Amino acid sequence: MTAVVYLGTSEFAAAVLRGLADSPHRPVLVVTRPDRPRGRGRKLASPPVADAARELGIALEQPGQINGEAALATIEAARPEAVCVCAYGALITEPLLSRFQILNVHPSLLPRWRGAAPIERAIMAGDEQTGVSIMRLAAGLDSGPVCGQAGEPIRPDDTYGSLAARLEVLGTELLVRTLDTAPPCTEQDESQATYAAKIGPEDRELDPTRPASELERTVRALTPHVGAHMVLPDGTRLGVGAVRVLPEGGPPVGEVSFDGTRPVLGCAQGALELLVVQPPGRRPMSGEDYLRGRRR
């Protein structure tokens, strides 16, 4: 058994934590970010990793500054043989980098898709494969040497939710294997690096001047956690949860047809049939139900 301190924040990181807790490397301490306001009511809520640590009965700390001396003292007091990081959500720098050799679980085949949104960017780009890498954390963004990798196909119907669920399992297995065997690590090829920028508002809005196939990938990449949307001709913002590409036909670019059984958005190449939508202040619904409501 390896004495592990685990740093993470997101739902993905919480899933890896649960798997790691079932292994011989159950963490002795979990470190995550402070509680933050969430949702419409802006109520204070714990990060998913904090909830998981409490469920598992593992000691939990939520320092305001992960790179501060107080956080370093807390981690050192746990006397870890390994420090593992997964989707912490803040850049880890000195003094932690010098004090520990830190293993990072990153859901891509590094050096492809370094950065904040590797799963989303892989789907959006139309990649046929992604995976998980275990790397030693370094000062650069996801640039440290890679200690292990495992690939995972991206299926034509994968959403973020379905792909992330498989990568969570793969990441846990790979992390446990790395802790078991301590394999050598190999430097990344910088010439092959690509960057997965954080998803911003401009990524979420469906731009009909782009091909329908690109927008379909965007919807899948942002479902169900972030969500894509489009702006209707009257200025209303309509959430979009699932679509189908119509290679031919459809209304002119940027226009929406409400004449069929489902709404159809005209795009630069092809059109998008809206299978699942979410009007403002409403729950997600089928395109058929949405049209029935519009026609009343």
Protein backbone atom coordinates (compact mmCIF):
# COMPACT_ATOMS: atom_id res chain seq x y z
CA MET A 1 0.00 0.00 0.00
CA THR A 2 1.20 3.49 -0.95
CA ALA A 3 0.38 6.44 1.32
CA VAL A 4 -1.39 8.75 -1.15
CA VAL A 5 -2.55 12.35 -0.94
CA TYR A 6 -5.13 13.10 -3.63
CA LEU A 7 -5.84 16.52 -5.11
CA GLY A 8 -8.93 17.04 -7.28
CA THR A 9 -12.14 18.99 -7.67
CA SER A 10 -14.44 17.98 -10.55
CA GLU A 11 -16.96 15.18 -11.09
CA PHE A 12 -14.33 13.38 -13.17
CA ALA A 13 -11.84 13.66 -10.31
CA ALA A 14 -14.45 12.43 -7.83
CA ALA A 15 -15.02 9.28 -9.91
CA VAL A 16 -11.27 8.57 -10.01
CA LEU A 17 -11.08 9.15 -6.25
CA ARG A 18 -13.81 6.58 -5.61
CA GLY A 19 -11.96 4.01 -7.73
CA LEU A 20 -8.63 4.76 -6.08
CA ALA A 21 -10.22 4.37 -2.63
CA ASP A 22 -11.18 0.80 -3.57
CA SER A 23 -7.57 -0.04 -4.46
CA PRO A 24 -4.57 -0.79 -2.22
CA HIS A 25 -3.69 2.92 -2.62
CA ARG A 26 -6.63 4.40 -0.72
CA PRO A 27 -5.76 8.06 -0.07
CA VAL A 28 -4.96 9.12 3.47
CA LEU A 29 -5.87 12.73 2.66
CA VAL A 30 -7.95 14.49 0.00
CA VAL A 31 -7.33 18.14 -0.87
CA THR A 32 -9.85 20.10 -2.91
CA ARG A 33 -10.88 23.69 -3.53
CA PRO A 34 -13.08 25.73 -1.17
CA ASP A 35 -16.87 25.64 -1.35
CA ARG A 36 -18.28 28.09 -3.90
CA PRO A 37 -21.71 29.57 -4.75
CA ARG A 38 -23.53 27.56 -7.42
CA GLY A 39 -26.80 27.51 -9.30
CA ARG A 40 -29.48 30.13 -9.65
CA GLY A 41 -29.76 30.63 -5.91
CA ARG A 42 -25.96 31.01 -5.62
CA LYS A 43 -25.96 28.81 -2.55
CA LEU A 44 -22.61 27.70 -1.18
CA ALA A 45 -21.86 24.15 -2.41
CA SER A 46 -18.99 21.71 -1.99
CA PRO A 47 -16.89 20.51 -4.93
CA PRO A 48 -17.73 16.96 -6.07
CA VAL A 49 -14.43 15.68 -4.68
CA ALA A 50 -15.28 17.04 -1.23
CA ASP A 51 -18.60 15.21 -1.29
CA ALA A 52 -16.87 11.99 -2.36
CA ALA A 53 -14.21 12.27 0.36
CA ARG A 54 -16.87 12.70 3.03
CA GLU A 55 -18.81 9.70 1.70
CA LEU A 56 -15.64 7.61 1.77
CA GLY A 57 -14.62 8.77 5.25
CA ILE A 58 -11.27 10.16 4.07
CA ALA A 59 -9.67 13.18 5.76
CA LEU A 60 -10.46 16.33 3.78
CA GLU A 61 -8.81 19.76 3.50
CA GLN A 62 -9.98 22.74 1.40
CA PRO A 63 -7.20 25.35 1.47
CA GLY A 64 -7.83 28.75 -0.04
CA GLN A 65 -4.46 28.66 -1.80
CA ILE A 66 -3.06 25.32 -2.92
CA ASN A 67 0.42 26.78 -3.50
CA GLY A 68 0.69 28.42 -0.09
CA GLU A 69 2.79 27.34 2.86
CA ALA A 70 -0.28 26.24 4.85
CA ALA A 71 -1.33 23.79 2.12
CA LEU A 72 2.24 22.48 1.87
CA ALA A 73 2.35 21.89 5.64
CA THR A 74 -0.98 20.04 5.53
CA ILE A 75 0.19 17.71 2.77
CA GLU A 76 3.59 17.14 4.39
CA ALA A 77 1.88 16.21 7.66
CA ALA A 78 0.18 13.31 5.88
CA ARG A 79 3.67 11.94 4.99
CA PRO A 80 2.66 10.83 1.49
CA GLU A 81 4.68 8.41 -0.59
CA ALA A 82 2.75 9.68 -3.64
CA VAL A 83 0.75 12.81 -4.45
CA CYS A 84 -1.85 12.36 -7.19
CA VAL A 85 -3.74 15.11 -8.99
CA CYS A 86 -6.82 14.92 -11.21
CA ALA A 87 -8.69 17.97 -12.51
CA TYR A 88 -7.86 20.19 -9.54
CA GLY A 89 -8.87 23.29 -11.47
CA ALA A 90 -6.00 25.55 -10.39
CA LEU A 91 -2.38 25.65 -11.48
CA ILE A 92 -0.08 23.83 -9.09
CA THR A 93 3.30 25.53 -8.73
CA GLU A 94 6.02 25.92 -6.13
CA PRO A 95 6.59 24.92 -3.40
CA LEU A 96 4.63 21.73 -4.10
CA LEU A 97 6.46 20.93 -7.34
CA SER A 98 9.86 20.88 -5.65
CA ARG A 99 8.73 19.07 -2.54
CA PHE A 100 6.91 16.13 -4.18
CA GLN A 101 6.91 14.09 -7.34
CA ILE A 102 3.28 14.51 -8.36
CA LEU A 103 1.36 12.19 -10.69
CA ASN A 104 -1.37 13.82 -12.77
CA VAL A 105 -4.32 11.98 -14.36
CA HIS A 106 -5.11 13.74 -17.64
CA PRO A 107 -7.92 12.57 -19.98
CA SER A 108 -6.14 12.77 -23.33
CA LEU A 109 -3.27 11.11 -25.16
CA LEU A 110 -0.63 13.72 -24.38
CA PRO A 111 0.83 15.79 -25.92
CA ARG A 112 -2.51 16.12 -27.73
CA TRP A 113 -5.06 18.25 -25.87
CA ARG A 114 -3.13 19.73 -23.01
CA GLY A 115 -5.26 22.07 -20.95
CA ALA A 116 -8.63 22.53 -19.31
CA ALA A 117 -11.11 20.83 -21.68
CA PRO A 118 -9.45 17.82 -23.34
CA ILE A 119 -12.56 15.64 -23.59
CA GLU A 120 -14.71 18.40 -25.07
CA ARG A 121 -12.04 19.49 -27.55
CA ALA A 122 -11.39 15.94 -28.74
CA ILE A 123 -15.07 15.43 -29.57
CA MET A 124 -15.39 18.88 -31.14
CA ALA A 125 -12.37 18.24 -33.37
CA GLY A 126 -13.80 14.95 -34.63
CA ASP A 127 -10.98 12.85 -33.18
CA GLU A 128 -11.54 9.12 -33.52
CA GLN A 129 -9.53 8.26 -30.41
CA THR A 130 -8.58 9.79 -27.12
CA GLY A 131 -7.48 8.22 -23.83
CA VAL A 132 -5.82 8.89 -20.50
CA SER A 133 -2.25 9.80 -19.66
CA ILE A 134 -0.47 9.61 -16.32
CA MET A 135 2.27 12.25 -16.22
CA ARG A 136 4.64 13.71 -13.69
CA LEU A 137 3.52 17.23 -12.97
CA ALA A 138 5.91 19.93 -14.16
CA ALA A 139 5.88 23.72 -14.30
CA GLY A 140 4.48 23.84 -17.85
CA LEU A 141 0.83 23.21 -18.70
CA ASP A 142 0.43 19.39 -18.83
CA SER A 143 3.96 19.22 -20.24
CA GLY A 144 5.61 16.79 -17.83
CA PRO A 145 6.99 13.37 -18.77
CA VAL A 146 4.39 10.66 -19.41
CA CYS A 147 4.52 7.51 -17.25
CA GLY A 148 1.64 5.62 -18.86
CA GLN A 149 -1.11 5.93 -21.45
CA ALA A 150 -4.20 4.00 -22.51
CA GLY A 151 -6.37 4.75 -25.53
CA GLU A 152 -10.16 4.84 -25.87
CA PRO A 153 -12.17 5.14 -29.12
CA ILE A 154 -14.54 8.07 -29.52
CA ARG A 155 -17.81 6.64 -30.80
CA PRO A 156 -19.90 8.52 -33.36
CA ASP A 157 -22.68 9.04 -30.79
CA ASP A 158 -20.47 9.81 -27.77
CA THR A 159 -21.38 12.80 -25.65
CA TYR A 160 -19.09 14.26 -23.02
CA GLY A 161 -21.08 12.27 -20.46
CA SER A 162 -20.69 8.87 -22.11
CA LEU A 163 -17.03 9.33 -23.02
CA ALA A 164 -16.03 10.80 -19.64
CA ALA A 165 -17.61 7.82 -17.86
CA ARG A 166 -15.34 5.41 -19.74
CA LEU A 167 -12.27 7.60 -19.25
CA GLU A 168 -12.94 7.78 -15.51
CA VAL A 169 -12.67 3.98 -15.31
CA LEU A 170 -9.63 3.92 -17.59
CA GLY A 171 -7.93 6.69 -15.64
CA THR A 172 -8.44 4.92 -12.33
CA GLU A 173 -7.05 1.65 -13.69
CA LEU A 174 -4.04 3.39 -15.19
CA LEU A 175 -3.31 5.37 -12.03
CA VAL A 176 -3.45 2.25 -9.86
CA ARG A 177 -1.17 0.41 -12.31
CA THR A 178 1.30 3.30 -12.25
CA LEU A 179 1.35 3.36 -8.44
CA ASP A 180 1.81 -0.43 -8.43
CA THR A 181 4.72 -0.57 -10.88
CA ALA A 182 6.39 2.89 -10.91
CA PRO A 183 7.20 2.74 -14.64
CA PRO A 184 9.78 5.05 -16.23
CA CYS A 185 8.45 8.30 -17.69
CA THR A 186 9.13 9.65 -21.18
CA GLU A 187 9.39 13.29 -22.19
CA GLN A 188 6.63 14.58 -24.46
CA ASP A 189 7.22 15.61 -28.08
CA GLU A 190 6.61 19.35 -27.94
CA SER A 191 6.15 19.54 -31.71
CA GLN A 192 2.95 17.44 -31.40
CA ALA A 193 1.32 19.46 -28.62
CA THR A 194 -2.18 20.86 -29.03
CA TYR A 195 -4.13 22.88 -26.48
CA ALA A 196 -7.63 22.32 -25.11
CA ALA A 197 -8.72 25.80 -24.11
CA LYS A 198 -11.37 26.22 -21.42
CA ILE A 199 -14.91 26.23 -22.80
CA GLY A 200 -16.15 29.81 -23.10
CA PRO A 201 -19.48 31.43 -24.01
CA GLU A 202 -18.45 31.62 -27.66
CA ASP A 203 -18.00 27.83 -27.75
CA ARG A 204 -21.52 27.21 -26.44
CA GLU A 205 -23.43 29.24 -29.04
CA LEU A 206 -24.18 27.31 -32.23
CA ASP A 207 -23.06 29.38 -35.22
CA PRO A 208 -25.11 28.41 -38.29
CA THR A 209 -22.42 29.76 -40.63
CA ARG A 210 -20.43 26.65 -39.70
CA PRO A 211 -21.12 23.16 -41.14
CA ALA A 212 -23.88 21.17 -39.47
CA SER A 213 -21.44 18.32 -38.75
CA GLU A 214 -19.26 20.64 -36.65
CA LEU A 215 -22.24 21.91 -34.67
CA GLU A 216 -23.42 18.35 -34.05
CA ARG A 217 -20.04 17.53 -32.50
CA THR A 218 -20.22 20.70 -30.40
CA VAL A 219 -23.60 19.68 -28.98
CA ARG A 220 -22.29 16.22 -28.07
CA ALA A 221 -19.10 17.67 -26.56
CA LEU A 222 -21.05 19.98 -24.24
CA THR A 223 -23.77 17.52 -23.17
CA PRO A 224 -24.84 17.19 -20.42
CA HIS A 225 -22.52 19.28 -18.24
CA VAL A 226 -22.09 22.66 -19.98
CA GLY A 227 -24.75 22.75 -22.67
CA ALA A 228 -24.94 24.31 -26.12
CA HIS A 229 -27.56 26.81 -27.24
CA MET A 230 -28.74 28.70 -30.29
CA VAL A 231 -30.39 32.07 -30.75
CA LEU A 232 -33.81 32.01 -32.44
CA PRO A 233 -34.81 34.71 -34.95
CA ASP A 234 -36.78 36.54 -32.23
CA GLY A 235 -33.68 36.70 -30.01
CA THR A 236 -34.74 33.89 -27.64
CA ARG A 237 -31.92 31.62 -26.49
CA LEU A 238 -32.84 27.96 -26.90
CA GLY A 239 -30.78 25.24 -25.21
CA VAL A 240 -29.88 22.34 -27.47
CA GLY A 241 -29.26 18.89 -25.99
CA ALA A 242 -29.29 16.56 -28.99
CA VAL A 243 -29.33 17.03 -32.76
CA ARG A 244 -29.15 15.09 -36.01
CA VAL A 245 -27.36 16.22 -39.16
CA LEU A 246 -29.50 16.51 -42.28
CA PRO A 247 -26.99 16.51 -45.15
CA GLU A 248 -29.48 17.96 -47.63
CA GLY A 249 -32.49 20.21 -47.50
CA GLY A 250 -33.39 22.48 -44.63
CA PRO A 251 -33.99 26.22 -44.46
CA PRO A 252 -31.47 28.90 -45.53
CA VAL A 253 -28.40 29.49 -43.38
CA GLY A 254 -29.34 30.89 -39.98
CA GLU A 255 -33.07 30.37 -40.38
CA VAL A 256 -35.16 27.89 -38.37
CA SER A 257 -37.97 25.85 -39.86
CA PHE A 258 -40.89 25.01 -37.56
CA ASP A 259 -42.93 23.31 -40.30
CA GLY A 260 -42.00 19.66 -39.69
CA THR A 261 -42.17 17.37 -36.70
CA ARG A 262 -39.04 18.95 -35.16
CA PRO A 263 -37.28 22.33 -35.55
CA VAL A 264 -34.54 22.44 -38.19
CA LEU A 265 -31.68 24.96 -38.23
CA GLY A 266 -30.17 25.85 -41.59
CA CYS A 267 -26.37 25.70 -41.57
CA ALA A 268 -23.56 26.51 -44.00
CA GLN A 269 -23.34 22.86 -45.02
CA GLY A 270 -26.43 20.79 -44.30
CA ALA A 271 -28.91 21.42 -41.52
CA LEU A 272 -29.51 20.41 -37.91
CA GLU A 273 -32.67 18.69 -36.75
CA LEU A 274 -33.20 19.59 -33.09
CA LEU A 275 -34.02 16.40 -31.20
CA VAL A 276 -33.83 17.73 -27.62
CA VAL A 277 -34.18 21.40 -26.66
CA GLN A 278 -34.59 23.47 -23.51
CA PRO A 279 -36.58 26.71 -23.66
CA PRO A 280 -35.68 29.42 -21.12
CA GLY A 281 -36.86 28.50 -17.62
CA ARG A 282 -38.10 25.06 -18.74
CA ARG A 283 -36.90 21.50 -18.50
CA PRO A 284 -35.33 19.75 -21.51
CA MET A 285 -37.94 18.39 -23.93
CA SER A 286 -38.15 16.66 -27.28
CA GLY A 287 -38.23 18.72 -30.44
CA GLU A 288 -41.73 17.39 -31.08
CA ASP A 289 -43.02 18.58 -27.69
CA TYR A 290 -41.40 21.95 -28.21
CA LEU A 291 -43.16 22.43 -31.54
CA ARG A 292 -46.48 21.35 -30.13
CA GLY A 293 -46.12 24.01 -27.45
CA ARG A 294 -45.26 26.68 -30.01
CA ARG A 295 -48.32 25.88 -32.11
CA ARG A 296 -50.82 26.17 -29.27
